[in-house]
PDB file of N, CA and C in Angstrom:
ATOM      1  N   MET A   1       0.824  -1.178   0.000  1.00  0.00           N
ATOM      2  CA  MET A   1       0.000   0.000   0.000  1.00  0.00           C
ATOM      3  C   MET A   1       0.878   1.255   0.000  1.00  0.00           C
ATOM      4  N   PHE A   2       1.983   1.227   0.757  1.00  0.00           N
ATOM      5  CA  PHE A   2       2.857   2.393   0.791  1.00  0.00           C
ATOM      6  C   PHE A   2       3.413   2.703  -0.598  1.00  0.00           C
ATOM      7  N   LEU A   3       3.750   1.664  -1.348  1.00  0.00           N
ATOM      8  CA  LEU A   3       4.291   1.864  -2.692  1.00  0.00           C
ATOM      9  C   LEU A   3       3.244   2.467  -3.624  1.00  0.00           C
ATOM     10  N   ILE A   4       2.013   2.014  -3.501  1.00  0.00           N
ATOM     11  CA  ILE A   4       0.926   2.563  -4.317  1.00  0.00           C
ATOM     12  C   ILE A   4       0.684   4.019  -3.947  1.00  0.00           C
ATOM     13  N   LEU A   5       0.660   4.313  -2.663  1.00  0.00           N
ATOM     14  CA  LEU A   5       0.456   5.697  -2.223  1.00  0.00           C
ATOM     15  C   LEU A   5       1.615   6.592  -2.651  1.00  0.00           C
ATOM     16  N   HIS A   6       2.806   6.051  -2.699  1.00  0.00           N
ATOM     17  CA  HIS A   6       3.941   6.826  -3.202  1.00  0.00           C
ATOM     18  C   HIS A   6       3.757   7.104  -4.695  1.00  0.00           C
ATOM     19  N   ALA A   7       3.369   6.079  -5.445  1.00  0.00           N
ATOM     20  CA  ALA A   7       3.163   6.253  -6.889  1.00  0.00           C
ATOM     21  C   ALA A   7       2.072   7.284  -7.183  1.00  0.00           C
ATOM     22  N   ARG A   8       1.124   7.428  -6.283  1.00  0.00           N
ATOM     23  CA  ARG A   8       0.043   8.415  -6.442  1.00  0.00           C
ATOM     24  C   ARG A   8       0.402   9.778  -5.862  1.00  0.00           C
ATOM     25  N   GLY A   9       1.631   9.914  -5.349  1.00  0.00           N
ATOM     26  CA  GLY A   9       2.080  11.195  -4.833  1.00  0.00           C
ATOM     27  C   GLY A   9       1.573  11.535  -3.447  1.00  0.00           C
ATOM     28  N   VAL A  10       1.158  10.514  -2.685  1.00  0.00           N
ATOM     29  CA  VAL A  10       0.619  10.738  -1.343  1.00  0.00           C
ATOM     30  C   VAL A  10       1.701  10.603  -0.275  1.00  0.00           C
ATOM     31  N   LEU A  11       2.654   9.697  -0.473  1.00  0.00           N
ATOM     32  CA  LEU A  11       3.727   9.465   0.502  1.00  0.00           C
ATOM     33  C   LEU A  11       5.084   9.669  -0.165  1.00  0.00           C
ATOM     34  N   PRO A  12       6.073  10.145   0.589  1.00  0.00           N
ATOM     35  CA  PRO A  12       7.405  10.374   0.018  1.00  0.00           C
ATOM     36  C   PRO A  12       8.190   9.077  -0.178  1.00  0.00           C
ATOM     37  N   ALA A  13       9.068   9.092  -1.164  1.00  0.00           N
ATOM     38  CA  ALA A  13       9.889   7.917  -1.462  1.00  0.00           C
ATOM     39  C   ALA A  13      10.774   7.522  -0.293  1.00  0.00           C
ATOM     40  N   VAL A  14      11.313   8.508   0.426  1.00  0.00           N
ATOM     41  CA  VAL A  14      12.223   8.218   1.533  1.00  0.00           C
ATOM     42  C   VAL A  14      11.565   7.336   2.594  1.00  0.00           C
ATOM     43  N   PHE A  15      10.256   7.400   2.706  1.00  0.00           N
ATOM     44  CA  PHE A  15       9.513   6.545   3.636  1.00  0.00           C
ATOM     45  C   PHE A  15       8.926   5.331   2.918  1.00  0.00           C
ATOM     46  N   ALA A  16       8.208   5.567   1.836  1.00  0.00           N
ATOM     47  CA  ALA A  16       7.409   4.522   1.197  1.00  0.00           C
ATOM     48  C   ALA A  16       8.240   3.394   0.606  1.00  0.00           C
ATOM     49  N   LEU A  17       9.371   3.698   0.006  1.00  0.00           N
ATOM     50  CA  LEU A  17      10.159   2.639  -0.636  1.00  0.00           C
ATOM     51  C   LEU A  17      10.740   1.660   0.372  1.00  0.00           C
ATOM     52  N   PRO A  18      11.466   2.113   1.403  1.00  0.00           N
ATOM     53  CA  PRO A  18      11.971   1.113   2.360  1.00  0.00           C
ATOM     54  C   PRO A  18      10.866   0.458   3.183  1.00  0.00           C
ATOM     55  N   ALA A  19       9.858   1.226   3.595  1.00  0.00           N
ATOM     56  CA  ALA A  19       8.774   0.644   4.399  1.00  0.00           C
ATOM     57  C   ALA A  19       7.976  -0.357   3.569  1.00  0.00           C
ATOM     58  N   GLY A  20       7.663   0.005   2.340  1.00  0.00           N
ATOM     59  CA  GLY A  20       6.905  -0.896   1.472  1.00  0.00           C
ATOM     60  C   GLY A  20       7.682  -2.143   1.104  1.00  0.00           C
ATOM     61  N   ALA A  21       8.961  -1.966   0.752  1.00  0.00           N
ATOM     62  CA  ALA A  21       9.790  -3.126   0.392  1.00  0.00           C
ATOM     63  C   ALA A  21       9.977  -4.060   1.582  1.00  0.00           C
ATOM     64  N   GLY A  22      10.173  -3.497   2.761  1.00  0.00           N
ATOM     65  CA  GLY A  22      10.327  -4.327   3.959  1.00  0.00           C
ATOM     66  C   GLY A  22       9.063  -5.103   4.266  1.00  0.00           C
ATOM     67  N   ASP A  23       7.917  -4.442   4.159  1.00  0.00           N
ATOM     68  CA  ASP A  23       6.636  -5.124   4.402  1.00  0.00           C
ATOM     69  C   ASP A  23       6.423  -6.259   3.408  1.00  0.00           C
ATOM     70  N   ILE A  24       6.751  -6.012   2.146  1.00  0.00           N
ATOM     71  CA  ILE A  24       6.593  -7.049   1.117  1.00  0.00           C
ATOM     72  C   ILE A  24       7.521  -8.220   1.395  1.00  0.00           C
ATOM     73  N   ALA A  25       8.772  -7.928   1.740  1.00  0.00           N
ATOM     74  CA  ALA A  25       9.735  -9.003   2.009  1.00  0.00           C
ATOM     75  C   ALA A  25       9.293  -9.866   3.186  1.00  0.00           C
ATOM     76  N   ILE A  26       8.871  -9.239   4.247  1.00  0.00           N
ATOM     77  CA  ILE A  26       8.427  -9.992   5.424  1.00  0.00           C
ATOM     78  C   ILE A  26       7.138 -10.760   5.099  1.00  0.00           C
ATOM     79  N   GLY A  27       6.219 -10.103   4.411  1.00  0.00           N
ATOM     80  CA  GLY A  27       4.947 -10.754   4.070  1.00  0.00           C
ATOM     81  C   GLY A  27       5.108 -11.945   3.134  1.00  0.00           C
ATOM     82  N   LEU A  28       5.959 -11.807   2.112  1.00  0.00           N
ATOM     83  CA  LEU A  28       6.141 -12.901   1.160  1.00  0.00           C
ATOM     84  C   LEU A  28       6.859 -14.098   1.771  1.00  0.00           C
ATOM     85  N   THR A  29       7.714 -13.846   2.738  1.00  0.00           N
ATOM     86  CA  THR A  29       8.442 -14.952   3.372  1.00  0.00           C
ATOM     87  C   THR A  29       7.677 -15.571   4.540  1.00  0.00           C
ATOM     88  N   ALA A  30       6.600 -14.940   4.962  1.00  0.00           N
ATOM     89  CA  ALA A  30       5.828 -15.450   6.105  1.00  0.00           C
ATOM     90  C   ALA A  30       5.353 -16.892   5.919  1.00  0.00           C
ATOM     91  N   PRO A  31       4.800 -17.277   4.751  1.00  0.00           N
ATOM     92  CA  PRO A  31       4.375 -18.674   4.620  1.00  0.00           C
ATOM     93  C   PRO A  31       5.535 -19.657   4.748  1.00  0.00           C
ATOM     94  N   LEU A  32       6.699 -19.300   4.229  1.00  0.00           N
ATOM     95  CA  LEU A  32       7.860 -20.189   4.353  1.00  0.00           C
ATOM     96  C   LEU A  32       8.277 -20.338   5.809  1.00  0.00           C
ATOM     97  N   VAL A  33       8.262 -19.244   6.520  1.00  0.00           N
ATOM     98  CA  VAL A  33       8.640 -19.267   7.935  1.00  0.00           C
ATOM     99  C   VAL A  33       7.592 -20.032   8.744  1.00  0.00           C
ATOM    100  N   ALA A  34       6.335 -19.862   8.412  1.00  0.00           N
ATOM    101  CA  ALA A  34       5.273 -20.594   9.112  1.00  0.00           C
ATOM    102  C   ALA A  34       5.435 -22.098   8.900  1.00  0.00           C
ATOM    103  N   PHE A  35       5.790 -22.497   7.694  1.00  0.00           N
ATOM    104  CA  PHE A  35       6.026 -23.909   7.426  1.00  0.00           C
ATOM    105  C   PHE A  35       7.209 -24.408   8.254  1.00  0.00           C
ATOM    106  N   GLY A  36       8.248 -23.578   8.379  1.00  0.00           N
ATOM    107  CA  GLY A  36       9.406 -23.943   9.188  1.00  0.00           C
ATOM    108  C   GLY A  36       9.066 -24.096  10.656  1.00  0.00           C
ATOM    109  N   PHE A  37       8.017 -23.416  11.084  1.00  0.00           N
ATOM    110  CA  PHE A  37       7.593 -23.500  12.477  1.00  0.00           C
ATOM    111  C   PHE A  37       7.159 -24.920  12.839  1.00  0.00           C
ATOM    112  N   LEU A  38       6.698 -25.663  11.847  1.00  0.00           N
ATOM    113  CA  LEU A  38       6.257 -27.037  12.098  1.00  0.00           C
ATOM    114  C   LEU A  38       7.425 -27.973  12.387  1.00  0.00           C
ATOM    115  N   SER A  39       8.609 -27.590  11.981  1.00  0.00           N
ATOM    116  CA  SER A  39       9.792 -28.416  12.209  1.00  0.00           C
ATOM    117  C   SER A  39      10.308 -28.189  13.628  1.00  0.00           C
ATOM    118  N   ARG A  40      10.865 -29.211  14.216  1.00  0.00           N
ATOM    119  CA  ARG A  40      11.365 -29.088  15.583  1.00  0.00           C
ATOM    120  C   ARG A  40      12.887 -29.125  15.659  1.00  0.00           C
ATOM    121  N   SER A  41      13.565 -29.046  14.522  1.00  0.00           N
ATOM    122  CA  SER A  41      15.025 -29.057  14.564  1.00  0.00           C
ATOM    123  C   SER A  41      15.556 -27.670  14.928  1.00  0.00           C
ATOM    124  N   PRO A  42      16.780 -27.567  15.449  1.00  0.00           N
ATOM    125  CA  PRO A  42      17.303 -26.292  15.928  1.00  0.00           C
ATOM    126  C   PRO A  42      17.522 -25.242  14.825  1.00  0.00           C
ATOM    127  N   ALA A  43      17.873 -25.647  13.618  1.00  0.00           N
ATOM    128  CA  ALA A  43      18.140 -24.681  12.542  1.00  0.00           C
ATOM    129  C   ALA A  43      16.917 -23.830  12.230  1.00  0.00           C
ATOM    130  N   PRO A  44      15.727 -24.421  12.026  1.00  0.00           N
ATOM    131  CA  PRO A  44      14.560 -23.573  11.777  1.00  0.00           C
ATOM    132  C   PRO A  44      14.230 -22.648  12.944  1.00  0.00           C
ATOM    133  N   LYS A  45      14.561 -23.052  14.160  1.00  0.00           N
ATOM    134  CA  LYS A  45      14.304 -22.184  15.314  1.00  0.00           C
ATOM    135  C   LYS A  45      15.057 -20.873  15.135  1.00  0.00           C
ATOM    136  N   ARG A  46      16.314 -20.958  14.748  1.00  0.00           N
ATOM    137  CA  ARG A  46      17.112 -19.745  14.539  1.00  0.00           C
ATOM    138  C   ARG A  46      16.536 -18.907  13.401  1.00  0.00           C
ATOM    139  N   VAL A  47      16.137 -19.576  12.340  1.00  0.00           N
ATOM    140  CA  VAL A  47      15.554 -18.871  11.188  1.00  0.00           C
ATOM    141  C   VAL A  47      14.263 -18.172  11.607  1.00  0.00           C
ATOM    142  N   LEU A  48      13.434 -18.847  12.362  1.00  0.00           N
ATOM    143  CA  LEU A  48      12.173 -18.254  12.815  1.00  0.00           C
ATOM    144  C   LEU A  48      12.419 -17.022  13.693  1.00  0.00           C
ATOM    145  N   ILE A  49      13.367 -17.128  14.585  1.00  0.00           N
ATOM    146  CA  ILE A  49      13.668 -15.995  15.457  1.00  0.00           C
ATOM    147  C   ILE A  49      14.245 -14.841  14.644  1.00  0.00           C
ATOM    148  N   LEU A  50      15.166 -15.131  13.733  1.00  0.00           N
ATOM    149  CA  LEU A  50      15.743 -14.082  12.894  1.00  0.00           C
ATOM    150  C   LEU A  50      14.685 -13.415  12.018  1.00  0.00           C
ATOM    151  N   TRP A  51      13.752 -14.207  11.502  1.00  0.00           N
ATOM    152  CA  TRP A  51      12.684 -13.637  10.683  1.00  0.00           C
ATOM    153  C   TRP A  51      11.823 -12.682  11.512  1.00  0.00           C
ATOM    154  N   ASN A  52      11.503 -13.070  12.726  1.00  0.00           N
ATOM    155  CA  ASN A  52      10.716 -12.193  13.596  1.00  0.00           C
ATOM    156  C   ASN A  52      11.489 -10.924  13.956  1.00  0.00           C
ATOM    157  N   VAL A  53      12.768 -11.058  14.199  1.00  0.00           N
ATOM    158  CA  VAL A  53      13.601  -9.877  14.481  1.00  0.00           C
ATOM    159  C   VAL A  53      13.635  -8.971  13.247  1.00  0.00           C
ATOM    160  N   ALA A  54      13.744  -9.568  12.051  1.00  0.00           N
ATOM    161  CA  ALA A  54      13.718  -8.771  10.819  1.00  0.00           C
ATOM    162  C   ALA A  54      12.383  -8.044  10.673  1.00  0.00           C
ATOM    163  N   GLY A  55      11.295  -8.701  11.024  1.00  0.00           N
ATOM    164  CA  GLY A  55       9.982  -8.060  10.977  1.00  0.00           C
ATOM    165  C   GLY A  55       9.894  -6.887  11.933  1.00  0.00           C
ATOM    166  N   MET A  56      10.428  -7.062  13.128  1.00  0.00           N
ATOM    167  CA  MET A  56      10.427  -5.960  14.104  1.00  0.00           C
ATOM    168  C   MET A  56      11.338  -4.821  13.639  1.00  0.00           C
ATOM    169  N   LEU A  57      12.476  -5.169  13.059  1.00  0.00           N
ATOM    170  CA  LEU A  57      13.390  -4.150  12.543  1.00  0.00           C
ATOM    171  C   LEU A  57      12.725  -3.367  11.408  1.00  0.00           C
ATOM    172  N   ASP A  58      11.991  -4.055  10.547  1.00  0.00           N
ATOM    173  CA  ASP A  58      11.247  -3.375   9.479  1.00  0.00           C
ATOM    174  C   ASP A  58      10.274  -2.364  10.062  1.00  0.00           C
ATOM    175  N   LEU A  59       9.591  -2.736  11.110  1.00  0.00           N
ATOM    176  CA  LEU A  59       8.638  -1.821  11.744  1.00  0.00           C
ATOM    177  C   LEU A  59       9.344  -0.624  12.372  1.00  0.00           C
ATOM    178  N   VAL A  60      10.467  -0.863  13.022  1.00  0.00           N
ATOM    179  CA  VAL A  60      11.225   0.226  13.643  1.00  0.00           C
ATOM    180  C   VAL A  60      11.736   1.194  12.572  1.00  0.00           C
ATOM    181  N   VAL A  61      12.250   0.650  11.472  1.00  0.00           N
ATOM    182  CA  VAL A  61      12.739   1.497  10.377  1.00  0.00           C
ATOM    183  C   VAL A  61      11.587   2.306   9.787  1.00  0.00           C
ATOM    184  N   ALA A  62      10.450   1.649   9.546  1.00  0.00           N
ATOM    185  CA  ALA A  62       9.302   2.350   8.964  1.00  0.00           C
ATOM    186  C   ALA A  62       8.812   3.481   9.867  1.00  0.00           C
ATOM    187  N   VAL A  63       8.694   3.211  11.159  1.00  0.00           N
ATOM    188  CA  VAL A  63       8.247   4.247  12.092  1.00  0.00           C
ATOM    189  C   VAL A  63       9.265   5.384  12.142  1.00  0.00           C
ATOM    190  N   SER A  64      10.536   5.042  12.199  1.00  0.00           N
ATOM    191  CA  SER A  64      11.583   6.066  12.247  1.00  0.00           C
ATOM    192  C   SER A  64      11.553   6.953  11.004  1.00  0.00           C
ATOM    193  N   LEU A  65      11.466   6.330   9.835  1.00  0.00           N
ATOM    194  CA  LEU A  65      11.408   7.104   8.595  1.00  0.00           C
ATOM    195  C   LEU A  65      10.107   7.889   8.498  1.00  0.00           C
ATOM    196  N   GLY A  66       9.027   7.306   9.010  1.00  0.00           N
ATOM    197  CA  GLY A  66       7.755   8.022   9.012  1.00  0.00           C
ATOM    198  C   GLY A  66       7.832   9.299   9.825  1.00  0.00           C
ATOM    199  N   ILE A  67       8.496   9.234  10.951  1.00  0.00           N
ATOM    200  CA  ILE A  67       8.676  10.423  11.793  1.00  0.00           C
ATOM    201  C   ILE A  67       9.618  11.416  11.123  1.00  0.00           C
ATOM    202  N   LEU A  68      10.720  10.908  10.566  1.00  0.00           N
ATOM    203  CA  LEU A  68      11.700  11.791   9.933  1.00  0.00           C
ATOM    204  C   LEU A  68      11.173  12.462   8.665  1.00  0.00           C
ATOM    205  N   ALA A  69      10.144  11.888   8.050  1.00  0.00           N
ATOM    206  CA  ALA A  69       9.551  12.474   6.841  1.00  0.00           C
ATOM    207  C   ALA A  69       8.215  13.142   7.141  1.00  0.00           C
ATOM    208  N   SER A  70       7.938  13.384   8.413  1.00  0.00           N
ATOM    209  CA  SER A  70       6.659  13.970   8.820  1.00  0.00           C
ATOM    210  C   SER A  70       6.691  15.498   8.751  1.00  0.00           C
ATOM    211  N   PRO A  71       5.510  16.113   8.689  1.00  0.00           N
ATOM    212  CA  PRO A  71       5.444  17.582   8.677  1.00  0.00           C
ATOM    213  C   PRO A  71       5.501  18.153  10.100  1.00  0.00           C
ATOM    214  N   THR A  72       6.475  17.722  10.858  1.00  0.00           N
ATOM    215  CA  THR A  72       6.662  18.156  12.246  1.00  0.00           C
ATOM    216  C   THR A  72       8.093  18.655  12.399  1.00  0.00           C
ATOM    217  N   PRO A  73       8.436  19.227  13.534  1.00  0.00           N
ATOM    218  CA  PRO A  73       9.831  19.627  13.751  1.00  0.00           C
ATOM    219  C   PRO A  73      10.810  18.446  13.667  1.00  0.00           C
ATOM    220  N   ALA A  74      10.341  17.232  13.916  1.00  0.00           N
ATOM    221  CA  ALA A  74      11.204  16.051  13.810  1.00  0.00           C
ATOM    222  C   ALA A  74      11.382  15.601  12.365  1.00  0.00           C
ATOM    223  N   GLY A  75      10.656  16.199  11.443  1.00  0.00           N
ATOM    224  CA  GLY A  75      10.695  15.808  10.038  1.00  0.00           C
ATOM    225  C   GLY A  75      11.913  16.313   9.295  1.00  0.00           C
ATOM    226  N   LEU A  76      13.067  15.843   9.692  1.00  0.00           N
ATOM    227  CA  LEU A  76      14.322  16.281   9.092  1.00  0.00           C
ATOM    228  C   LEU A  76      14.450  15.874   7.626  1.00  0.00           C
ATOM    229  N   LEU A  77      13.740  14.827   7.203  1.00  0.00           N
ATOM    230  CA  LEU A  77      13.803  14.364   5.818  1.00  0.00           C
ATOM    231  C   LEU A  77      12.605  14.829   4.995  1.00  0.00           C
ATOM    232  N   ALA A  78      11.725  15.614   5.593  1.00  0.00           N
ATOM    233  CA  ALA A  78      10.510  16.068   4.907  1.00  0.00           C
ATOM    234  C   ALA A  78      10.865  17.079   3.828  1.00  0.00           C
ATOM    235  N   ARG A  79      10.518  16.749   2.588  1.00  0.00           N
ATOM    236  CA  ARG A  79      10.737  17.638   1.443  1.00  0.00           C
ATOM    237  C   ARG A  79       9.509  17.536   0.550  1.00  0.00           C
ATOM    238  N   GLY A  80       8.702  18.532   0.494  1.00  0.00           N
ATOM    239  CA  GLY A  80       7.513  18.497  -0.370  1.00  0.00           C
ATOM    240  C   GLY A  80       6.465  17.559   0.182  1.00  0.00           C
ATOM    241  N   ILE A  81       6.421  16.358  -0.363  1.00  0.00           N
ATOM    242  CA  ILE A  81       5.466  15.348   0.096  1.00  0.00           C
ATOM    243  C   ILE A  81       5.969  14.793   1.428  1.00  0.00           C
ATOM    244  N   THR A  82       5.078  14.714   2.408  1.00  0.00           N
ATOM    245  CA  THR A  82       5.450  14.203   3.732  1.00  0.00           C
ATOM    246  C   THR A  82       4.588  12.989   4.076  1.00  0.00           C
ATOM    247  N   THR A  83       4.795  12.468   5.253  1.00  0.00           N
ATOM    248  CA  THR A  83       3.980  11.350   5.737  1.00  0.00           C
ATOM    249  C   THR A  83       2.751  11.851   6.496  1.00  0.00           C
ATOM    250  N   GLY A  84       2.402  13.091   6.290  1.00  0.00           N
ATOM    251  CA  GLY A  84       1.233  13.680   6.947  1.00  0.00           C
ATOM    252  C   GLY A  84      -0.059  12.919   6.695  1.00  0.00           C
ATOM    253  N   ALA A  85      -0.164  12.249   5.549  1.00  0.00           N
ATOM    254  CA  ALA A  85      -1.375  11.475   5.241  1.00  0.00           C
ATOM    255  C   ALA A  85      -1.610  10.355   6.246  1.00  0.00           C
ATOM    256  N   LEU A  86      -0.541   9.891   6.901  1.00  0.00           N
ATOM    257  CA  LEU A  86      -0.681   8.821   7.894  1.00  0.00           C
ATOM    258  C   LEU A  86      -1.318   9.300   9.188  1.00  0.00           C
ATOM    259  N   ALA A  87      -1.557  10.598   9.291  1.00  0.00           N
ATOM    260  CA  ALA A  87      -2.229  11.144  10.474  1.00  0.00           C
ATOM    261  C   ALA A  87      -3.745  11.199  10.287  1.00  0.00           C
ATOM    262  N   ASP A  88      -4.213  10.945   9.059  1.00  0.00           N
ATOM    263  CA  ASP A  88      -5.645  11.003   8.755  1.00  0.00           C
ATOM    264  C   ASP A  88      -6.228   9.598   8.647  1.00  0.00           C
ATOM    265  N   PHE A  89      -7.466   9.465   9.141  1.00  0.00           N
ATOM    266  CA  PHE A  89      -8.179   8.189   9.051  1.00  0.00           C
ATOM    267  C   PHE A  89      -8.500   7.906   7.585  1.00  0.00           C
ATOM    268  N   PRO A  90      -8.361   6.712   7.099  1.00  0.00           N
ATOM    269  CA  PRO A  90      -8.082   5.439   7.759  1.00  0.00           C
ATOM    270  C   PRO A  90      -6.597   5.096   7.868  1.00  0.00           C
ATOM    271  N   LEU A  91      -5.732   5.859   7.175  1.00  0.00           N
ATOM    272  CA  LEU A  91      -4.299   5.544   7.227  1.00  0.00           C
ATOM    273  C   LEU A  91      -3.729   5.669   8.628  1.00  0.00           C
ATOM    274  N   SER A  92      -4.364   6.469   9.477  1.00  0.00           N
ATOM    275  CA  SER A  92      -3.872   6.628  10.851  1.00  0.00           C
ATOM    276  C   SER A  92      -3.933   5.320  11.636  1.00  0.00           C
ATOM    277  N   LEU A  93      -4.727   4.366  11.176  1.00  0.00           N
ATOM    278  CA  LEU A  93      -4.796   3.063  11.846  1.00  0.00           C
ATOM    279  C   LEU A  93      -3.474   2.302  11.736  1.00  0.00           C
ATOM    280  N   ILE A  94      -2.690   2.602  10.708  1.00  0.00           N
ATOM    281  CA  ILE A  94      -1.422   1.892  10.521  1.00  0.00           C
ATOM    282  C   ILE A  94      -0.460   2.200  11.666  1.00  0.00           C
ATOM    283  N   PRO A  95      -0.097   3.471  11.898  1.00  0.00           N
ATOM    284  CA  PRO A  95       0.859   3.716  12.990  1.00  0.00           C
ATOM    285  C   PRO A  95       0.269   3.575  14.383  1.00  0.00           C
ATOM    286  N   THR A  96      -1.048   3.773  14.524  1.00  0.00           N
ATOM    287  CA  THR A  96      -1.619   3.745  15.876  1.00  0.00           C
ATOM    288  C   THR A  96      -2.073   2.357  16.327  1.00  0.00           C
ATOM    289  N   PHE A  97      -2.400   1.482  15.378  1.00  0.00           N
ATOM    290  CA  PHE A  97      -2.905   0.164  15.749  1.00  0.00           C
ATOM    291  C   PHE A  97      -2.114  -0.975  15.107  1.00  0.00           C
ATOM    292  N   LEU A  98      -1.967  -0.949  13.786  1.00  0.00           N
ATOM    293  CA  LEU A  98      -1.376  -2.091  13.084  1.00  0.00           C
ATOM    294  C   LEU A  98       0.106  -2.293  13.403  1.00  0.00           C
ATOM    295  N   VAL A  99       0.872  -1.210  13.476  1.00  0.00           N
ATOM    296  CA  VAL A  99       2.299  -1.357  13.780  1.00  0.00           C
ATOM    297  C   VAL A  99       2.509  -1.912  15.193  1.00  0.00           C
ATOM    298  N   PRO A 100       1.868  -1.342  16.226  1.00  0.00           N
ATOM    299  CA  PRO A 100       2.047  -1.949  17.557  1.00  0.00           C
ATOM    300  C   PRO A 100       1.553  -3.399  17.610  1.00  0.00           C
ATOM    301  N   PHE A 101       0.434  -3.681  16.951  1.00  0.00           N
ATOM    302  CA  PHE A 101      -0.094  -5.045  16.924  1.00  0.00           C
ATOM    303  C   PHE A 101       0.913  -6.004  16.283  1.00  0.00           C
ATOM    304  N   ALA A 102       1.487  -5.615  15.147  1.00  0.00           N
ATOM    305  CA  ALA A 102       2.460  -6.472  14.461  1.00  0.00           C
ATOM    306  C   ALA A 102       3.711  -6.668  15.312  1.00  0.00           C
ATOM    307  N   PHE A 103       4.168  -5.606  15.956  1.00  0.00           N
ATOM    308  CA  PHE A 103       5.354  -5.713  16.798  1.00  0.00           C
ATOM    309  C   PHE A 103       5.110  -6.696  17.950  1.00  0.00           C
ATOM    310  N   ILE A 104       3.970  -6.572  18.583  1.00  0.00           N
ATOM    311  CA  ILE A 104       3.622  -7.478  19.686  1.00  0.00           C
ATOM    312  C   ILE A 104       3.467  -8.910  19.178  1.00  0.00           C
ATOM    313  N   ALA A 105       2.886  -9.068  17.987  1.00  0.00           N
ATOM    314  CA  ALA A 105       2.744 -10.411  17.409  1.00  0.00           C
ATOM    315  C   ALA A 105       4.115 -11.048  17.175  1.00  0.00           C
ATOM    316  N   HIS A 106       5.087 -10.267  16.721  1.00  0.00           N
ATOM    317  CA  HIS A 106       6.446 -10.793  16.542  1.00  0.00           C
ATOM    318  C   HIS A 106       7.044 -11.209  17.891  1.00  0.00           C
ATOM    319  N   LEU A 107       6.844 -10.391  18.926  1.00  0.00           N
ATOM    320  CA  LEU A 107       7.355 -10.743  20.256  1.00  0.00           C
ATOM    321  C   LEU A 107       6.722 -12.029  20.772  1.00  0.00           C
ATOM    322  N   ILE A 108       5.420 -12.157  20.590  1.00  0.00           N
ATOM    323  CA  ILE A 108       4.727 -13.371  21.019  1.00  0.00           C
ATOM    324  C   ILE A 108       5.244 -14.580  20.243  1.00  0.00           C
ATOM    325  N   SER A 109       5.475 -14.397  18.949  1.00  0.00           N
ATOM    326  CA  SER A 109       5.996 -15.491  18.126  1.00  0.00           C
ATOM    327  C   SER A 109       7.352 -15.960  18.637  1.00  0.00           C
ATOM    328  N   ILE A 110       8.216 -15.021  18.955  1.00  0.00           N
ATOM    329  CA  ILE A 110       9.541 -15.399  19.472  1.00  0.00           C
ATOM    330  C   ILE A 110       9.400 -16.170  20.774  1.00  0.00           C
ATOM    331  N   ARG A 111       8.518 -15.721  21.637  1.00  0.00           N
ATOM    332  CA  ARG A 111       8.307 -16.423  22.910  1.00  0.00           C
ATOM    333  C   ARG A 111       7.778 -17.839  22.661  1.00  0.00           C
ATOM    334  N   GLN A 112       6.833 -17.964  21.746  1.00  0.00           N
ATOM    335  CA  GLN A 112       6.268 -19.281  21.440  1.00  0.00           C
ATOM    336  C   GLN A 112       7.335 -20.200  20.842  1.00  0.00           C
ATOM    337  N   ILE A 113       8.142 -19.682  19.967  1.00  0.00           N
ATOM    338  CA  ILE A 113       9.222 -20.477  19.350  1.00  0.00           C
ATOM    339  C   ILE A 113      10.156 -21.001  20.428  1.00  0.00           C
ATOM    340  N   ARG A 114      10.517 -20.139  21.340  1.00  0.00           N
ATOM    341  CA  ARG A 114      11.438 -20.548  22.413  1.00  0.00           C
ATOM    342  C   ARG A 114      10.801 -21.582  23.317  1.00  0.00           C
ATOM    343  N   MET A 115       9.502 -21.470  23.576  1.00  0.00           N
ATOM    344  CA  MET A 115       8.821 -22.428  24.456  1.00  0.00           C
ATOM    345  C   MET A 115       8.654 -23.793  23.783  1.00  0.00           C
ATOM    346  N   ILE A 116       8.284 -23.778  22.518  1.00  0.00           N
ATOM    347  CA  ILE A 116       8.004 -25.033  21.793  1.00  0.00           C
ATOM    348  C   ILE A 116       9.298 -25.771  21.471  1.00  0.00           C
ATOM    349  N   HIS A 117      10.316 -25.041  21.106  1.00  0.00           N
ATOM    350  CA  HIS A 117      11.571 -25.663  20.668  1.00  0.00           C
ATOM    351  C   HIS A 117      12.590 -25.741  21.800  1.00  0.00           C
ATOM    352  N   ARG A 118      12.183 -26.271  22.930  1.00  0.00           N
ATOM    353  CA  ARG A 118      13.121 -26.436  24.046  1.00  0.00           C
ATOM    354  C   ARG A 118      13.802 -27.765  23.977  1.00  0.00           C
TER     355      ARG A 118
END
């Protein structure tokens, strides 16, 4: 969605390209990682944990770039198009609900992986 909004001139490239690419990478690899979750060998455990850490890192990068490209005093990267659209409903649901939810889901996944693969 970030890439589409960038193509339509709603979000800046400095935010949309890394955030969108990271979301796509994590999303496309999710089924492979989920399949690996069924395995009980130690190698997939490491892969599962690293994938969850990568997902959390993607969220941290996206939030950081979103702030840096915002129309606020913290918007050091804001040039022309900003991430101001993310402050309006329905896009505001992404930073206020979906990002925290996804981050917590990654934390829960790591905990579950550690508990199951003991």
